[in-house]
C-alpha atoms as a PDB file:
ATOM      1  CA  MET A   1     108.648 106.123 133.106  1.00  0.00           C
ATOM      2  CA  ARG A   2     105.347 106.530 131.343  1.00  0.00           C
ATOM      3  CA  ALA A   3     103.688 103.827 129.449  1.00  0.00           C
ATOM      4  CA  PHE A   4     100.791 104.286 126.970  1.00  0.00           C
ATOM      5  CA  VAL A   5      98.561 101.469 126.710  1.00  0.00           C
ATOM      6  CA  THR A   6      96.148 101.253 123.567  1.00  0.00           C
ATOM      7  CA  GLY A   7      93.166  98.877 124.484  1.00  0.00           C
ATOM      8  CA  GLY A   8      94.019  99.187 128.115  1.00  0.00           C
ATOM      9  CA  ALA A   9      90.603  98.534 129.371  1.00  0.00           C
ATOM     10  CA  GLY A  10      90.487  95.119 127.692  1.00  0.00           C
ATOM     11  CA  PHE A  11      91.164  91.537 128.852  1.00  0.00           C
ATOM     12  CA  ILE A  12      94.993  91.622 128.450  1.00  0.00           C
ATOM     13  CA  GLY A  13      95.400  95.386 128.378  1.00  0.00           C
ATOM     14  CA  SER A  14      93.934  95.814 131.864  1.00  0.00           C
ATOM     15  CA  HIS A  15      96.133  93.164 133.343  1.00  0.00           C
ATOM     16  CA  LEU A  16      99.129  94.680 131.728  1.00  0.00           C
ATOM     17  CA  THR A  17      98.202  98.082 132.973  1.00  0.00           C
ATOM     18  CA  ASP A  18      97.782  96.601 136.645  1.00  0.00           C
ATOM     19  CA  ARG A  19     101.342  95.136 136.356  1.00  0.00           C
ATOM     20  CA  LEU A  20     102.938  98.317 134.954  1.00  0.00           C
ATOM     21  CA  LEU A  21     101.372 100.487 137.931  1.00  0.00           C
ATOM     22  CA  ALA A  22     102.449  97.807 140.478  1.00  0.00           C
ATOM     23  CA  GLU A  23     106.028  98.377 139.285  1.00  0.00           C
ATOM     24  CA  GLY A  24     106.007 102.085 139.596  1.00  0.00           C
ATOM     25  CA  TRP A  25     105.059 103.068 136.023  1.00  0.00           C
ATOM     26  CA  GLU A  26     102.869 105.845 135.189  1.00  0.00           C
ATOM     27  CA  VAL A  27     100.220 104.617 132.762  1.00  0.00           C
ATOM     28  CA  VAL A  28      97.900 106.236 130.383  1.00  0.00           C
ATOM     29  CA  VAL A  29      95.157 103.849 129.089  1.00  0.00           C
ATOM     30  CA  TYR A  30      93.810 104.833 125.715  1.00  0.00           C
ATOM     31  CA  ASP A  31      90.425 103.154 124.887  1.00  0.00           C
ATOM     32  CA  ASP A  32      87.216 103.647 123.203  1.00  0.00           C
ATOM     33  CA  PHE A  33      85.355 101.131 125.295  1.00  0.00           C
ATOM     34  CA  SER A  34      84.032  99.407 122.221  1.00  0.00           C
ATOM     35  CA  THR A  35      85.183  96.104 123.707  1.00  0.00           C
ATOM     36  CA  GLY A  36      86.971  97.335 127.007  1.00  0.00           C
ATOM     37  CA  TYR A  37      85.157  97.384 130.319  1.00  0.00           C
ATOM     38  CA  GLU A  38      85.380 100.076 132.830  1.00  0.00           C
ATOM     39  CA  VAL A  39      85.135  97.628 135.787  1.00  0.00           C
ATOM     40  CA  PHE A  40      88.590  96.130 134.627  1.00  0.00           C
ATOM     41  CA  LEU A  41      90.194  99.406 135.667  1.00  0.00           C
ATOM     42  CA  GLY A  42      88.784  99.481 139.009  1.00  0.00           C
ATOM     43  CA  GLY A  43      92.152  98.733 140.561  1.00  0.00           C
ATOM     44  CA  ALA A  44      94.147 100.934 138.219  1.00  0.00           C
ATOM     45  CA  ARG A  45      91.948 103.932 139.253  1.00  0.00           C
ATOM     46  CA  ALA A  46      93.215 103.768 142.713  1.00  0.00           C
ATOM     47  CA  HIS A  47      96.529 104.705 141.623  1.00  0.00           C
ATOM     48  CA  ASP A  48      97.527 108.411 141.339  1.00  0.00           C
ATOM     49  CA  ALA A  49      99.925 107.525 138.306  1.00  0.00           C
ATOM     50  CA  PHE A  50      96.816 106.107 136.264  1.00  0.00           C
ATOM     51  CA  HIS A  51      95.270 108.246 133.586  1.00  0.00           C
ATOM     52  CA  LEU A  52      92.598 107.406 131.254  1.00  0.00           C
ATOM     53  CA  VAL A  53      91.787 108.959 127.836  1.00  0.00           C
ATOM     54  CA  ARG A  54      88.804 107.814 125.739  1.00  0.00           C
ATOM     55  CA  GLY A  55      89.577 107.699 122.214  1.00  0.00           C
ATOM     56  CA  ASP A  56      89.721 105.885 118.913  1.00  0.00           C
ATOM     57  CA  VAL A  57      93.267 104.637 117.768  1.00  0.00           C
ATOM     58  CA  LEU A  58      91.624 105.665 114.238  1.00  0.00           C
ATOM     59  CA  ASP A  59      91.380 109.324 115.410  1.00  0.00           C
ATOM     60  CA  ALA A  60      94.921 110.451 114.727  1.00  0.00           C
ATOM     61  CA  ALA A  61      94.191 113.912 115.815  1.00  0.00           C
ATOM     62  CA  LYS A  62      93.380 112.609 119.441  1.00  0.00           C
ATOM     63  CA  LEU A  63      95.846 109.927 119.604  1.00  0.00           C
ATOM     64  CA  THR A  64      98.955 111.949 118.942  1.00  0.00           C
ATOM     65  CA  PRO A  65      98.673 114.646 121.750  1.00  0.00           C
ATOM     66  CA  ALA A  66      97.472 112.065 124.133  1.00  0.00           C
ATOM     67  CA  MET A  67     100.897 110.020 123.706  1.00  0.00           C
ATOM     68  CA  GLU A  68     102.969 112.927 124.445  1.00  0.00           C
ATOM     69  CA  GLY A  69     105.541 112.057 127.226  1.00  0.00           C
ATOM     70  CA  ALA A  70     105.296 108.310 126.857  1.00  0.00           C
ATOM     71  CA  ASP A  71     108.478 106.370 127.014  1.00  0.00           C
ATOM     72  CA  LEU A  72     106.844 102.967 126.026  1.00  0.00           C
ATOM     73  CA  VAL A  73     103.712 102.239 123.904  1.00  0.00           C
ATOM     74  CA  CYS A  74     101.865  99.007 124.538  1.00  0.00           C
ATOM     75  CA  HIS A  75      99.723  98.447 121.612  1.00  0.00           C
ATOM     76  CA  LEU A  76      97.186  95.909 122.387  1.00  0.00           C
ATOM     77  CA  GLN A  77      94.079  97.473 120.719  1.00  0.00           C
ATOM     78  CA  ALA A  78      92.902  95.206 117.989  1.00  0.00           C
ATOM     79  CA  ASN A  79      89.874  93.686 116.385  1.00  0.00           C
ATOM     80  CA  ALA A  80      90.156  90.198 117.880  1.00  0.00           C
ATOM     81  CA  ASP A  81      87.242  88.857 116.094  1.00  0.00           C
ATOM     82  CA  VAL A  82      89.152  86.223 114.130  1.00  0.00           C
ATOM     83  CA  ARG A  83      86.041  84.059 113.200  1.00  0.00           C
ATOM     84  CA  GLY A  84      84.382  87.208 111.527  1.00  0.00           C
ATOM     85  CA  GLY A  85      87.190  87.729 109.040  1.00  0.00           C
ATOM     86  CA  PRO A  86      85.499  86.185 106.081  1.00  0.00           C
ATOM     87  CA  LEU A  87      82.376  88.382 106.255  1.00  0.00           C
ATOM     88  CA  ALA A  88      84.097  91.707 107.358  1.00  0.00           C
ATOM     89  CA  PRO A  89      87.751  91.762 106.208  1.00  0.00           C
ATOM     90  CA  ARG A  90      87.989  95.603 106.108  1.00  0.00           C
ATOM     91  CA  ARG A  91      87.514  95.560 109.869  1.00  0.00           C
ATOM     92  CA  ASP A  92      91.026  93.911 110.317  1.00  0.00           C
ATOM     93  CA  LEU A  93      92.421  96.140 107.739  1.00  0.00           C
ATOM     94  CA  GLU A  94      91.368  99.225 109.671  1.00  0.00           C
ATOM     95  CA  GLN A  95      91.343  98.133 113.059  1.00  0.00           C
ATOM     96  CA  ASN A  96      94.760  96.335 113.084  1.00  0.00           C
ATOM     97  CA  VAL A  97      96.756  97.549 110.145  1.00  0.00           C
ATOM     98  CA  GLY A  98      95.401 101.151 110.094  1.00  0.00           C
ATOM     99  CA  ALA A  99      95.452 101.482 113.742  1.00  0.00           C
ATOM    100  CA  THR A 100      99.095 100.332 114.016  1.00  0.00           C
ATOM    101  CA  PHE A 101     100.163 102.741 111.486  1.00  0.00           C
ATOM    102  CA  ASN A 102      98.436 105.530 113.411  1.00  0.00           C
ATOM    103  CA  VAL A 103     100.126 104.355 116.627  1.00  0.00           C
ATOM    104  CA  LEU A 104     103.491 104.329 114.968  1.00  0.00           C
ATOM    105  CA  SER A 105     103.080 107.739 113.389  1.00  0.00           C
ATOM    106  CA  ALA A 106     102.189 108.987 116.665  1.00  0.00           C
ATOM    107  CA  MET A 107     105.124 107.505 118.291  1.00  0.00           C
ATOM    108  CA  ARG A 108     107.304 109.240 115.646  1.00  0.00           C
ATOM    109  CA  GLU A 109     105.772 112.525 116.391  1.00  0.00           C
ATOM    110  CA  ASN A 110     106.344 112.112 120.101  1.00  0.00           C
ATOM    111  CA  LEU A 111     109.781 110.457 119.908  1.00  0.00           C
ATOM    112  CA  VAL A 112     108.636 107.436 121.732  1.00  0.00           C
ATOM    113  CA  PRO A 113     111.586 105.036 121.748  1.00  0.00           C
ATOM    114  CA  ARG A 114     109.779 101.539 122.445  1.00  0.00           C
ATOM    115  CA  ILE A 115     106.878  99.681 121.325  1.00  0.00           C
ATOM    116  CA  LEU A 116     105.338  96.451 122.747  1.00  0.00           C
ATOM    117  CA  PHE A 117     102.825  94.864 120.306  1.00  0.00           C
ATOM    118  CA  SER A 118     100.290  92.056 120.568  1.00  0.00           C
ATOM    119  CA  SER A 119     100.595  89.911 117.542  1.00  0.00           C
ATOM    120  CA  SER A 120      99.363  86.327 117.263  1.00  0.00           C
ATOM    121  CA  ALA A 121     100.041  82.779 116.630  1.00  0.00           C
ATOM    122  CA  ALA A 122      97.484  83.236 113.526  1.00  0.00           C
ATOM    123  CA  VAL A 123     100.564  84.929 111.569  1.00  0.00           C
ATOM    124  CA  TYR A 124     101.705  81.253 111.094  1.00  0.00           C
ATOM    125  CA  GLY A 125      98.547  80.098 109.437  1.00  0.00           C
ATOM    126  CA  GLU A 126      98.805  76.284 109.379  1.00  0.00           C
ATOM    127  CA  PRO A 127     102.502  75.550 110.053  1.00  0.00           C
ATOM    128  CA  SER A 128     104.115  72.236 109.363  1.00  0.00           C
ATOM    129  CA  VAL A 129     106.688  72.359 112.220  1.00  0.00           C
ATOM    130  CA  PHE A 130     105.622  71.666 116.052  1.00  0.00           C
ATOM    131  CA  PRO A 131     106.212  73.355 118.190  1.00  0.00           C
ATOM    132  CA  THR A 132     106.358  76.245 115.871  1.00  0.00           C
ATOM    133  CA  PRO A 133     109.451  78.633 115.983  1.00  0.00           C
ATOM    134  CA  GLU A 134     109.534  82.318 115.347  1.00  0.00           C
ATOM    135  CA  SER A 135     111.311  81.569 112.150  1.00  0.00           C
ATOM    136  CA  ALA A 136     108.811  79.394 110.567  1.00  0.00           C
ATOM    137  CA  GLU A 137     107.429  80.353 107.136  1.00  0.00           C
ATOM    138  CA  ALA A 138     104.009  81.922 107.383  1.00  0.00           C
ATOM    139  CA  VAL A 139     101.517  81.029 104.663  1.00  0.00           C
ATOM    140  CA  GLN A 140      98.305  83.125 105.578  1.00  0.00           C
ATOM    141  CA  THR A 141      95.013  81.569 106.140  1.00  0.00           C
ATOM    142  CA  SER A 142      93.175  84.394 107.837  1.00  0.00           C
ATOM    143  CA  VAL A 143      92.833  88.152 107.412  1.00  0.00           C
ATOM    144  CA  TYR A 144      93.269  88.400 111.010  1.00  0.00           C
ATOM    145  CA  GLY A 145      96.756  86.727 110.834  1.00  0.00           C
ATOM    146  CA  ALA A 146      97.550  88.679 107.823  1.00  0.00           C
ATOM    147  CA  SER A 147      96.704  91.904 109.395  1.00  0.00           C
ATOM    148  CA  LYS A 148      98.926  91.112 112.447  1.00  0.00           C
ATOM    149  CA  LEU A 149     101.890  90.087 110.146  1.00  0.00           C
ATOM    150  CA  ALA A 150     101.382  93.445 108.435  1.00  0.00           C
ATOM    151  CA  GLY A 151     101.441  95.214 111.799  1.00  0.00           C
ATOM    152  CA  GLU A 152     104.624  93.484 112.575  1.00  0.00           C
ATOM    153  CA  ALA A 153     106.115  94.566 109.369  1.00  0.00           C
ATOM    154  CA  PHE A 154     105.222  98.196 109.763  1.00  0.00           C
ATOM    155  CA  ILE A 155     106.793  98.134 113.399  1.00  0.00           C
ATOM    156  CA  GLN A 156     109.871  96.859 111.872  1.00  0.00           C
ATOM    157  CA  ALA A 157     109.904  99.530 109.060  1.00  0.00           C
ATOM    158  CA  PHE A 158     109.344 102.230 111.454  1.00  0.00           C
ATOM    159  CA  GLY A 159     111.981 100.923 113.737  1.00  0.00           C
ATOM    160  CA  GLU A 160     114.466 101.100 111.109  1.00  0.00           C
ATOM    161  CA  TYR A 161     113.515 104.650 110.233  1.00  0.00           C
ATOM    162  CA  ASP A 162     113.366 106.021 113.711  1.00  0.00           C
ATOM    163  CA  GLU A 163     115.350 103.540 115.792  1.00  0.00           C
ATOM    164  CA  ILE A 164     112.254 102.361 117.807  1.00  0.00           C
ATOM    165  CA  ARG A 165     113.032  99.339 119.952  1.00  0.00           C
ATOM    166  CA  SER A 166     110.118  96.669 119.436  1.00  0.00           C
ATOM    167  CA  TYR A 167     108.894  93.685 121.445  1.00  0.00           C
ATOM    168  CA  ILE A 168     106.470  91.784 119.337  1.00  0.00           C
ATOM    169  CA  PHE A 169     104.656  88.942 121.067  1.00  0.00           C
ATOM    170  CA  ARG A 170     102.906  86.118 119.069  1.00  0.00           C
ATOM    171  CA  PHE A 171     100.206  85.147 121.390  1.00  0.00           C
ATOM    172  CA  VAL A 172      98.155  81.820 121.704  1.00  0.00           C
ATOM    173  CA  SER A 173      94.758  82.109 123.280  1.00  0.00           C
ATOM    174  CA  PHE A 174      94.937  83.680 126.490  1.00  0.00           C
ATOM    175  CA  ILE A 175      92.553  82.622 129.418  1.00  0.00           C
ATOM    176  CA  GLY A 176      91.882  83.755 132.907  1.00  0.00           C
ATOM    177  CA  GLU A 177      90.025  86.438 134.837  1.00  0.00           C
ATOM    178  CA  ARG A 178      88.430  89.226 132.673  1.00  0.00           C
ATOM    179  CA  TYR A 179      88.338  86.984 129.790  1.00  0.00           C
ATOM    180  CA  THR A 180      85.694  88.300 127.184  1.00  0.00           C
ATOM    181  CA  HIS A 181      85.748  86.082 124.374  1.00  0.00           C
ATOM    182  CA  GLY A 182      86.813  82.808 123.083  1.00  0.00           C
ATOM    183  CA  VAL A 183      86.076  79.036 123.442  1.00  0.00           C
ATOM    184  CA  VAL A 184      85.554  78.963 127.017  1.00  0.00           C
ATOM    185  CA  PHE A 185      83.297  82.071 126.941  1.00  0.00           C
ATOM    186  CA  ASP A 186      81.291  80.402 124.178  1.00  0.00           C
ATOM    187  CA  PHE A 187      80.762  77.213 126.019  1.00  0.00           C
ATOM    188  CA  VAL A 188      79.737  78.866 129.283  1.00  0.00           C
ATOM    189  CA  LYS A 189      77.222  80.902 127.492  1.00  0.00           C
ATOM    190  CA  LYS A 190      75.827  78.038 125.573  1.00  0.00           C
ATOM    191  CA  LEU A 191      75.609  75.728 128.465  1.00  0.00           C
ATOM    192  CA  ARG A 192      73.879  78.453 130.581  1.00  0.00           C
ATOM    193  CA  ALA A 193      71.355  78.605 127.833  1.00  0.00           C
ATOM    194  CA  ASN A 194      70.937  74.866 127.227  1.00  0.00           C
ATOM    195  CA  PRO A 195      72.690  72.701 130.027  1.00  0.00           C
ATOM    196  CA  ARG A 196      71.763  69.417 128.217  1.00  0.00           C
ATOM    197  CA  GLU A 197      73.576  70.045 124.955  1.00  0.00           C
ATOM    198  CA  LEU A 198      76.551  71.820 123.692  1.00  0.00           C
ATOM    199  CA  GLU A 199      77.407  72.889 120.132  1.00  0.00           C
ATOM    200  CA  VAL A 200      81.136  72.433 119.392  1.00  0.00           C
ATOM    201  CA  LEU A 201      82.550  74.064 116.271  1.00  0.00           C
ATOM    202  CA  GLY A 202      84.462  71.550 114.065  1.00  0.00           C
ATOM    203  CA  ASP A 203      84.978  67.885 115.021  1.00  0.00           C
ATOM    204  CA  GLY A 204      86.337  69.080 118.567  1.00  0.00           C
ATOM    205  CA  ARG A 205      89.821  67.621 118.083  1.00  0.00           C
ATOM    206  CA  GLN A 206      91.286  70.947 117.348  1.00  0.00           C
ATOM    207  CA  LYS A 207      94.326  71.018 119.595  1.00  0.00           C
ATOM    208  CA  LYS A 208      95.344  74.519 120.989  1.00  0.00           C
ATOM    209  CA  SER A 209      97.833  75.904 123.424  1.00  0.00           C
ATOM    210  CA  TYR A 210      96.241  78.242 126.063  1.00  0.00           C
ATOM    211  CA  LEU A 211      98.070  80.424 128.388  1.00  0.00           C
ATOM    212  CA  HIS A 212      96.787  82.199 131.655  1.00  0.00           C
ATOM    213  CA  VAL A 213      96.976  85.983 131.389  1.00  0.00           C
ATOM    214  CA  ALA A 214      99.055  86.233 134.402  1.00  0.00           C
ATOM    215  CA  ASP A 215     101.754  84.026 132.771  1.00  0.00           C
ATOM    216  CA  GLY A 216     101.433  86.041 129.646  1.00  0.00           C
ATOM    217  CA  VAL A 217     101.898  89.370 131.271  1.00  0.00           C
ATOM    218  CA  GLN A 218     104.982  87.953 133.190  1.00  0.00           C
ATOM    219  CA  GLY A 219     106.469  86.927 129.776  1.00  0.00           C
ATOM    220  CA  MET A 220     106.032  90.328 128.323  1.00  0.00           C
ATOM    221  CA  MET A 221     107.476  92.043 131.501  1.00  0.00           C
ATOM    222  CA  THR A 222     110.559  89.591 131.190  1.00  0.00           C
ATOM    223  CA  ALA A 223     111.248  90.523 127.690  1.00  0.00           C
ATOM    224  CA  LEU A 224     110.962  94.202 128.408  1.00  0.00           C
ATOM    225  CA  SER A 225     113.627  93.994 130.944  1.00  0.00           C
ATOM    226  CA  LYS A 226     115.823  91.548 129.531  1.00  0.00           C
ATOM    227  CA  ALA A 227     115.791  91.470 125.661  1.00  0.00           C
ATOM    228  CA  GLY A 228     118.630  93.394 124.336  1.00  0.00           C
ATOM    229  CA  ALA A 229     118.061  93.613 120.425  1.00  0.00           C
ATOM    230  CA  ARG A 230     116.420  96.536 118.745  1.00  0.00           C
ATOM    231  CA  ALA A 231     113.863  94.367 116.997  1.00  0.00           C
ATOM    232  CA  ASN A 232     112.438  91.430 119.240  1.00  0.00           C
ATOM    233  CA  VAL A 233     109.931  88.880 118.124  1.00  0.00           C
ATOM    234  CA  PHE A 234     108.654  86.156 120.741  1.00  0.00           C
ATOM    235  CA  ASN A 235     106.390  83.352 120.699  1.00  0.00           C
ATOM    236  CA  LEU A 236     104.222  83.358 123.814  1.00  0.00           C
ATOM    237  CA  GLY A 237     102.328  80.126 124.791  1.00  0.00           C
ATOM    238  CA  HIS A 238     102.212  77.168 126.960  1.00  0.00           C
ATOM    239  CA  ASP A 239     104.204  73.912 126.740  1.00  0.00           C
ATOM    240  CA  ASP A 240     101.010  71.856 126.771  1.00  0.00           C
ATOM    241  CA  CYS A 241      98.004  71.744 124.563  1.00  0.00           C
ATOM    242  CA  LEU A 242      94.376  70.548 124.885  1.00  0.00           C
ATOM    243  CA  ASN A 243      91.826  69.789 122.411  1.00  0.00           C
ATOM    244  CA  VAL A 244      88.474  71.436 122.314  1.00  0.00           C
ATOM    245  CA  LEU A 245      86.394  68.337 123.613  1.00  0.00           C
ATOM    246  CA  ALA A 246      88.710  68.446 126.745  1.00  0.00           C
ATOM    247  CA  VAL A 247      88.112  72.063 127.291  1.00  0.00           C
ATOM    248  CA  ALA A 248      84.352  71.286 127.049  1.00  0.00           C
ATOM    249  CA  ASP A 249      84.701  68.501 129.701  1.00  0.00           C
ATOM    250  CA  LEU A 250      86.446  70.965 132.054  1.00  0.00           C
ATOM    251  CA  VAL A 251      83.983  73.729 131.593  1.00  0.00           C
ATOM    252  CA  CYS A 252      81.148  71.157 132.214  1.00  0.00           C
ATOM    253  CA  GLU A 253      82.668  69.903 135.442  1.00  0.00           C
ATOM    254  CA  GLU A 254      83.079  73.474 136.841  1.00  0.00           C
ATOM    255  CA  MET A 255      79.508  74.129 136.011  1.00  0.00           C
ATOM    256  CA  GLY A 256      78.454  71.070 137.831  1.00  0.00           C
ATOM    257  CA  LEU A 257      77.025  69.526 134.725  1.00  0.00           C
ATOM    258  CA  SER A 258      76.897  65.838 133.593  1.00  0.00           C
ATOM    259  CA  GLY A 259      75.529  63.805 130.685  1.00  0.00           C
ATOM    260  CA  VAL A 260      75.851  66.885 128.337  1.00  0.00           C
ATOM    261  CA  ARG A 261      75.518  65.771 124.735  1.00  0.00           C
ATOM    262  CA  TYR A 262      78.226  67.364 122.515  1.00  0.00           C
ATOM    263  CA  ARG A 263      77.000  68.073 118.984  1.00  0.00           C
ATOM    264  CA  THR A 264      79.756  68.887 116.788  1.00  0.00           C
ATOM    265  CA  THR A 265      79.374  70.719 113.536  1.00  0.00           C
ATOM    266  CA  GLY A 266      81.959  68.763 111.523  1.00  0.00           C
ATOM    267  CA  GLY A 267      85.062  69.416 109.710  1.00  0.00           C
ATOM    268  CA  THR A 268      88.565  69.675 111.113  1.00  0.00           C
ATOM    269  CA  ARG A 269      88.404  73.419 111.812  1.00  0.00           C
ATOM    270  CA  GLY A 270      85.890  75.610 113.796  1.00  0.00           C
ATOM    271  CA  TRP A 271      85.713  78.255 111.072  1.00  0.00           C
ATOM    272  CA  LYS A 272      87.304  79.387 107.851  1.00  0.00           C
ATOM    273  CA  GLY A 273      90.777  80.306 108.864  1.00  0.00           C
ATOM    274  CA  ASP A 274      90.868  78.404 111.943  1.00  0.00           C
ATOM    275  CA  ALA A 275      94.115  76.421 112.672  1.00  0.00           C
ATOM    276  CA  PRO A 276      93.443  72.879 113.763  1.00  0.00           C
ATOM    277  CA  PHE A 277      96.712  72.757 115.786  1.00  0.00           C
ATOM    278  CA  VAL A 278      98.412  75.535 117.555  1.00  0.00           C
ATOM    279  CA  HIS A 279     101.417  74.698 119.704  1.00  0.00           C
ATOM    280  CA  LEU A 280     104.460  77.460 119.648  1.00  0.00           C
ATOM    281  CA  ASP A 281     108.134  76.955 120.523  1.00  0.00           C
ATOM    282  CA  THR A 282     108.697  79.333 123.311  1.00  0.00           C
ATOM    283  CA  THR A 283     112.618  78.683 123.725  1.00  0.00           C
ATOM    284  CA  ARG A 284     113.570  82.189 122.820  1.00  0.00           C
ATOM    285  CA  LEU A 285     111.443  83.695 125.475  1.00  0.00           C
ATOM    286  CA  ARG A 286     112.468  81.057 127.890  1.00  0.00           C
ATOM    287  CA  SER A 287     116.195  81.882 127.299  1.00  0.00           C
ATOM    288  CA  LEU A 288     115.437  85.080 129.254  1.00  0.00           C
ATOM    289  CA  GLY A 289     114.202  83.161 132.267  1.00  0.00           C
ATOM    290  CA  TRP A 290     110.560  83.049 131.530  1.00  0.00           C
ATOM    291  CA  ALA A 291     108.283  79.920 132.015  1.00  0.00           C
ATOM    292  CA  PRO A 292     104.632  79.288 132.403  1.00  0.00           C
ATOM    293  CA  THR A 293     103.480  78.689 135.957  1.00  0.00           C
ATOM    294  CA  ILE A 294      99.914  77.787 135.495  1.00  0.00           C
ATOM    295  CA  PRO A 295      98.660  74.455 134.166  1.00  0.00           C
ATOM    296  CA  ILE A 296      96.156  74.891 131.283  1.00  0.00           C
ATOM    297  CA  GLU A 297      93.626  72.819 133.024  1.00  0.00           C
ATOM    298  CA  ASP A 298      93.584  75.134 136.077  1.00  0.00           C
ATOM    299  CA  GLY A 299      93.422  78.081 133.822  1.00  0.00           C
ATOM    300  CA  ILE A 300      90.321  76.744 132.010  1.00  0.00           C
ATOM    301  CA  ARG A 301      88.645  76.111 135.424  1.00  0.00           C
ATOM    302  CA  ALA A 302      89.661  79.556 136.839  1.00  0.00           C
ATOM    303  CA  THR A 303      88.203  81.227 133.835  1.00  0.00           C
ATOM    304  CA  THR A 304      85.042  79.320 133.947  1.00  0.00           C
ATOM    305  CA  ARG A 305      84.527  80.287 137.468  1.00  0.00           C
ATOM    306  CA  TYR A 306      85.132  83.831 136.872  1.00  0.00           C
ATOM    307  CA  LEU A 307      82.473  83.959 133.962  1.00  0.00           C
ATOM    308  CA  LEU A 308      80.072  82.280 136.215  1.00  0.00           C
ATOM    309  CA  ALA A 309      80.666  84.974 138.763  1.00  0.00           C
ATOM    310  CA  HIS A 310      80.232  87.624 136.156  1.00  0.00           C
ATOM    311  CA  PRO A 311      77.331  86.793 134.126  1.00  0.00           C
ATOM    312  CA  ASP A 312      76.980  90.349 133.002  1.00  0.00           C
ATOM    313  CA  LEU A 313      79.962  89.775 130.658  1.00  0.00           C
ATOM    314  CA  LEU A 314      78.262  86.833 129.141  1.00  0.00           C
ATOM    315  CA  GLU A 315      75.067  88.913 128.488  1.00  0.00           C
ATOM    316  CA  ARG A 316      76.871  91.839 126.890  1.00  0.00           C
ATOM    317  CA  ARG A 317      78.368  89.882 124.029  1.00  0.00           C
END
């Protein structure tokens, strides 16, 4: 079986690539390395079944022939800069909605029967039900969330046209090795620059669910092997949550820092479109036998240690 992974040189994509190769898949990674890293593919390159195509998903002329022979598309490429949405909304339109349309069009040309799609908890905006189920009504509060929901809609429509089986995953924030952006990244970078004071966006009470990438990949693989519907939508998150100040405490501990002064910027959210509380109901995926195994605190600590051991990642962004 051949998997075609867009964004396969990224944080989550490279972990999924490694897992697919370990399970005997042939894997084609399609990435333009605008945010991906060559080093993340070091293990994958040791496999004869691994292939790399450098390309942009917006380049349909290159994307379509590169996908030939695929049995599964894992579409993880996206603009993940949620914070930048108010300043550059067209980027989400092009990189998330347009790119997904191109991927689906290439699937139609190549008769690819299945797609795995990385959506986001951001599609729920600011829900009123917690934990939030997949059936919750979504009032959009960010262009990023809207672009992910639009991607889901295009996948469902193409699925009806071409009988494509879809596996859509609404992610919380993933953490772990190869992590390249997010709250832990920001905290480590800021504390390396000034170990005495840490700027915390919002009031620090924003409460989020975080999932280690190993548990996330296991959830995706579980659904691929066990979900029987043609259109499948799954929340993918942890049972527990941490507020941002608790995350800061863990990062400071792992960095060996004490007495750090936290300077909050104020307000209930870190930026326009930020959800103050993210906690997803994962009952649907759990019914297939999946459950997270790594506590959030352990994941935060492991992520911090990884970033400290790879300062080049901090310097690149």
